[in-house]
Amino acid sequence: MAGIELERCQQQANESSTFNKTTQNLAQKKCWENIRYRICVGLVVVGVLLIILIVLLVVFLPQSSDSSSAPRTQDAGIASGPGN
């Protein structure tokens, strides 16, 4: 009887060791998956922010350059007018 109990204890020790290794491997795998997903989400957020920034620049930058270029053309016309 003692031999059977000893075998059973050894078998359970082996199974618990295998279970421990499996859980460690699974935890490591899930950790890398979480890191990968966080990187992907971060890249998507950065991409969306860049798109918004580009759209805002396209919308607002021409207005400021048109208003700044308009006086230059008027100044050039005024400067050439009295000189003639």
N, C-alpha and C. Protein backbone atom coordinates (compact mmCIF):
# COMPACT_ATOMS: atom_id res chain seq x y z
N MET A 1 0.80 -1.19 0.00
CA MET A 1 0.00 0.00 0.00
C MET A 1 0.85 1.26 0.00
N ALA A 2 1.91 1.27 0.72
CA ALA A 2 2.76 2.44 0.79
C ALA A 2 3.40 2.70 -0.56
N GLY A 3 3.69 1.64 -1.32
CA GLY A 3 4.29 1.79 -2.64
C GLY A 3 3.33 2.45 -3.61
N ILE A 4 2.05 2.12 -3.51
CA ILE A 4 1.04 2.70 -4.40
C ILE A 4 0.87 4.19 -4.09
N GLU A 5 0.84 4.51 -2.81
CA GLU A 5 0.70 5.92 -2.41
C GLU A 5 1.92 6.73 -2.83
N LEU A 6 3.09 6.12 -2.73
CA LEU A 6 4.31 6.80 -3.13
C LEU A 6 4.30 7.08 -4.63
N GLU A 7 3.86 6.09 -5.42
CA GLU A 7 3.76 6.28 -6.88
C GLU A 7 2.77 7.38 -7.22
N ARG A 8 1.66 7.37 -6.50
CA ARG A 8 0.64 8.38 -6.75
C ARG A 8 1.15 9.78 -6.40
N CYS A 9 1.90 9.89 -5.32
CA CYS A 9 2.48 11.19 -4.94
C CYS A 9 3.49 11.65 -5.98
N GLN A 10 4.30 10.75 -6.48
CA GLN A 10 5.29 11.11 -7.50
C GLN A 10 4.60 11.52 -8.80
N GLN A 11 3.54 10.79 -9.15
CA GLN A 11 2.80 11.13 -10.35
C GLN A 11 2.17 12.51 -10.22
N GLN A 12 1.61 12.81 -9.06
CA GLN A 12 1.01 14.13 -8.85
C GLN A 12 2.08 15.21 -8.85
N ALA A 13 3.25 14.93 -8.33
CA ALA A 13 4.34 15.90 -8.36
C ALA A 13 4.76 16.17 -9.80
N ASN A 14 4.84 15.13 -10.61
CA ASN A 14 5.19 15.31 -12.02
C ASN A 14 4.12 16.11 -12.75
N GLU A 15 2.88 15.79 -12.48
CA GLU A 15 1.78 16.50 -13.14
C GLU A 15 1.75 17.96 -12.70
N SER A 16 2.01 18.23 -11.44
CA SER A 16 2.00 19.62 -10.98
C SER A 16 3.17 20.39 -11.58
N SER A 17 4.30 19.73 -11.75
CA SER A 17 5.44 20.38 -12.40
C SER A 17 5.11 20.70 -13.85
N THR A 18 4.50 19.76 -14.54
CA THR A 18 4.09 19.99 -15.93
C THR A 18 3.06 21.11 -16.01
N PHE A 19 2.11 21.11 -15.09
CA PHE A 19 1.08 22.15 -15.06
C PHE A 19 1.72 23.52 -14.81
N ASN A 20 2.69 23.58 -13.91
CA ASN A 20 3.37 24.83 -13.60
C ASN A 20 4.09 25.36 -14.84
N LYS A 21 4.80 24.50 -15.55
CA LYS A 21 5.50 24.92 -16.76
C LYS A 21 4.52 25.39 -17.83
N THR A 22 3.41 24.69 -17.97
CA THR A 22 2.40 25.06 -18.96
C THR A 22 1.80 26.42 -18.63
N THR A 23 1.50 26.65 -17.37
CA THR A 23 0.91 27.94 -16.99
C THR A 23 1.91 29.07 -17.18
N GLN A 24 3.19 28.82 -16.90
CA GLN A 24 4.20 29.85 -17.13
C GLN A 24 4.32 30.18 -18.61
N ASN A 25 4.32 29.15 -19.46
CA ASN A 25 4.39 29.38 -20.91
C ASN A 25 3.17 30.13 -21.41
N LEU A 26 2.01 29.76 -20.90
CA LEU A 26 0.78 30.43 -21.31
C LEU A 26 0.76 31.88 -20.84
N ALA A 27 1.22 32.13 -19.63
CA ALA A 27 1.27 33.50 -19.12
C ALA A 27 2.22 34.35 -19.95
N GLN A 28 3.36 33.78 -20.33
CA GLN A 28 4.31 34.51 -21.17
C GLN A 28 3.71 34.81 -22.54
N LYS A 29 3.03 33.82 -23.10
CA LYS A 29 2.40 34.00 -24.42
C LYS A 29 1.35 35.10 -24.36
N LYS A 30 0.53 35.09 -23.34
CA LYS A 30 -0.52 36.11 -23.21
C LYS A 30 0.08 37.49 -22.97
N CYS A 31 1.18 37.54 -22.24
CA CYS A 31 1.84 38.82 -22.00
C CYS A 31 2.33 39.41 -23.32
N TRP A 32 2.94 38.59 -24.17
CA TRP A 32 3.41 39.09 -25.47
C TRP A 32 2.25 39.49 -26.36
N GLU A 33 1.14 38.74 -26.29
CA GLU A 33 -0.04 39.12 -27.07
C GLU A 33 -0.56 40.48 -26.62
N ASN A 34 -0.60 40.70 -25.31
CA ASN A 34 -1.07 41.99 -24.79
C ASN A 34 -0.15 43.12 -25.24
N ILE A 35 1.15 42.88 -25.21
CA ILE A 35 2.10 43.90 -25.66
C ILE A 35 1.88 44.20 -27.13
N ARG A 36 1.68 43.15 -27.92
CA ARG A 36 1.46 43.33 -29.35
C ARG A 36 0.19 44.13 -29.62
N TYR A 37 -0.88 43.82 -28.89
CA TYR A 37 -2.13 44.55 -29.08
C TYR A 37 -2.00 46.00 -28.65
N ARG A 38 -1.28 46.25 -27.58
CA ARG A 38 -1.08 47.63 -27.14
C ARG A 38 -0.29 48.42 -28.17
N ILE A 39 0.71 47.79 -28.77
CA ILE A 39 1.48 48.46 -29.81
C ILE A 39 0.59 48.76 -31.01
N CYS A 40 -0.23 47.80 -31.40
CA CYS A 40 -1.14 48.01 -32.54
C CYS A 40 -2.12 49.15 -32.25
N VAL A 41 -2.69 49.15 -31.06
CA VAL A 41 -3.63 50.21 -30.70
C VAL A 41 -2.92 51.56 -30.68
N GLY A 42 -1.70 51.58 -30.16
CA GLY A 42 -0.93 52.82 -30.15
C GLY A 42 -0.64 53.32 -31.55
N LEU A 43 -0.30 52.42 -32.46
CA LEU A 43 -0.03 52.82 -33.84
C LEU A 43 -1.29 53.34 -34.52
N VAL A 44 -2.42 52.72 -34.24
CA VAL A 44 -3.68 53.19 -34.82
C VAL A 44 -4.01 54.59 -34.29
N VAL A 45 -3.83 54.80 -32.99
CA VAL A 45 -4.11 56.12 -32.41
C VAL A 45 -3.18 57.18 -33.01
N VAL A 46 -1.90 56.85 -33.14
CA VAL A 46 -0.96 57.80 -33.74
C VAL A 46 -1.34 58.08 -35.19
N GLY A 47 -1.74 57.05 -35.92
CA GLY A 47 -2.17 57.24 -37.31
C GLY A 47 -3.38 58.15 -37.42
N VAL A 48 -4.36 57.93 -36.56
CA VAL A 48 -5.56 58.77 -36.58
C VAL A 48 -5.20 60.21 -36.23
N LEU A 49 -4.34 60.39 -35.24
CA LEU A 49 -3.93 61.74 -34.88
C LEU A 49 -3.17 62.42 -36.02
N LEU A 50 -2.34 61.68 -36.73
CA LEU A 50 -1.64 62.25 -37.88
C LEU A 50 -2.61 62.64 -38.99
N ILE A 51 -3.61 61.82 -39.22
CA ILE A 51 -4.61 62.14 -40.25
C ILE A 51 -5.36 63.40 -39.85
N ILE A 52 -5.76 63.49 -38.59
CA ILE A 52 -6.46 64.70 -38.12
C ILE A 52 -5.56 65.92 -38.26
N LEU A 53 -4.29 65.78 -37.91
CA LEU A 53 -3.35 66.89 -38.03
C LEU A 53 -3.19 67.33 -39.48
N ILE A 54 -3.07 66.38 -40.38
CA ILE A 54 -2.92 66.71 -41.80
C ILE A 54 -4.17 67.41 -42.31
N VAL A 55 -5.34 66.91 -41.93
CA VAL A 55 -6.59 67.54 -42.38
C VAL A 55 -6.67 68.97 -41.84
N LEU A 56 -6.33 69.15 -40.58
CA LEU A 56 -6.37 70.50 -40.01
C LEU A 56 -5.38 71.43 -40.70
N LEU A 57 -4.21 70.93 -41.02
CA LEU A 57 -3.22 71.74 -41.73
C LEU A 57 -3.70 72.12 -43.12
N VAL A 58 -4.32 71.17 -43.81
CA VAL A 58 -4.82 71.45 -45.15
C VAL A 58 -5.95 72.46 -45.10
N VAL A 59 -6.78 72.37 -44.07
CA VAL A 59 -7.92 73.27 -43.99
C VAL A 59 -7.47 74.68 -43.57
N PHE A 60 -6.60 74.79 -42.59
CA PHE A 60 -6.28 76.09 -42.05
C PHE A 60 -5.03 76.74 -42.65
N LEU A 61 -4.10 75.98 -43.16
CA LEU A 61 -2.88 76.56 -43.68
C LEU A 61 -3.10 77.38 -44.95
N PRO A 62 -3.89 76.94 -45.91
CA PRO A 62 -4.11 77.77 -47.11
C PRO A 62 -4.79 79.10 -46.78
N GLN A 63 -5.66 79.14 -45.81
CA GLN A 63 -6.32 80.40 -45.45
C GLN A 63 -5.30 81.40 -44.95
N SER A 64 -4.39 80.96 -44.12
CA SER A 64 -3.40 81.90 -43.60
C SER A 64 -2.41 82.28 -44.68
N SER A 65 -2.07 81.40 -45.61
CA SER A 65 -1.13 81.75 -46.67
C SER A 65 -1.81 82.62 -47.73
N ASP A 66 -3.10 82.42 -47.98
CA ASP A 66 -3.82 83.28 -48.94
C ASP A 66 -3.92 84.71 -48.40
N SER A 67 -4.20 84.85 -47.13
CA SER A 67 -4.33 86.19 -46.56
C SER A 67 -2.97 86.88 -46.50
N SER A 68 -1.91 86.11 -46.31
CA SER A 68 -0.60 86.74 -46.25
C SER A 68 -0.06 87.02 -47.65
N SER A 69 -0.49 86.24 -48.65
CA SER A 69 0.00 86.49 -50.01
C SER A 69 -0.81 87.59 -50.70
N ALA A 70 -2.05 87.83 -50.25
CA ALA A 70 -2.87 88.86 -50.88
C ALA A 70 -2.28 90.25 -50.68
N PRO A 71 -1.85 90.64 -49.48
CA PRO A 71 -1.25 91.97 -49.34
C PRO A 71 0.05 92.11 -50.12
N ARG A 72 0.77 91.05 -50.28
CA ARG A 72 2.02 91.13 -51.03
C ARG A 72 1.76 91.51 -52.49
N THR A 73 0.72 90.94 -53.08
CA THR A 73 0.41 91.27 -54.46
C THR A 73 -0.10 92.71 -54.54
N GLN A 74 -0.86 93.14 -53.53
CA GLN A 74 -1.32 94.53 -53.53
C GLN A 74 -0.15 95.48 -53.31
N ASP A 75 0.77 95.11 -52.43
CA ASP A 75 1.93 95.94 -52.18
C ASP A 75 2.78 96.05 -53.45
N ALA A 76 2.91 94.94 -54.16
CA ALA A 76 3.72 94.95 -55.37
C ALA A 76 3.06 95.84 -56.42
N GLY A 77 1.74 95.83 -56.49
CA GLY A 77 1.03 96.68 -57.45
C GLY A 77 1.14 98.15 -57.09
N ILE A 78 1.06 98.44 -55.81
CA ILE A 78 1.16 99.82 -55.36
C ILE A 78 2.58 100.34 -55.58
N ALA A 79 3.56 99.48 -55.30
CA ALA A 79 4.95 99.91 -55.44
C ALA A 79 5.30 100.13 -56.91
N SER A 80 4.73 99.35 -57.80
CA SER A 80 5.05 99.53 -59.20
C SER A 80 4.23 100.65 -59.83
N GLY A 81 3.09 100.98 -59.19
CA GLY A 81 2.21 102.02 -59.74
C GLY A 81 2.86 103.39 -59.72
N PRO A 82 3.30 103.90 -58.58
CA PRO A 82 3.88 105.24 -58.57
C PRO A 82 5.22 105.30 -59.32
N GLY A 83 5.90 104.20 -59.43
CA GLY A 83 7.18 104.22 -60.13
C GLY A 83 7.01 104.42 -61.64
N ASN A 84 5.86 104.12 -62.20
CA ASN A 84 5.63 104.25 -63.64
C ASN A 84 5.33 105.62 -63.98
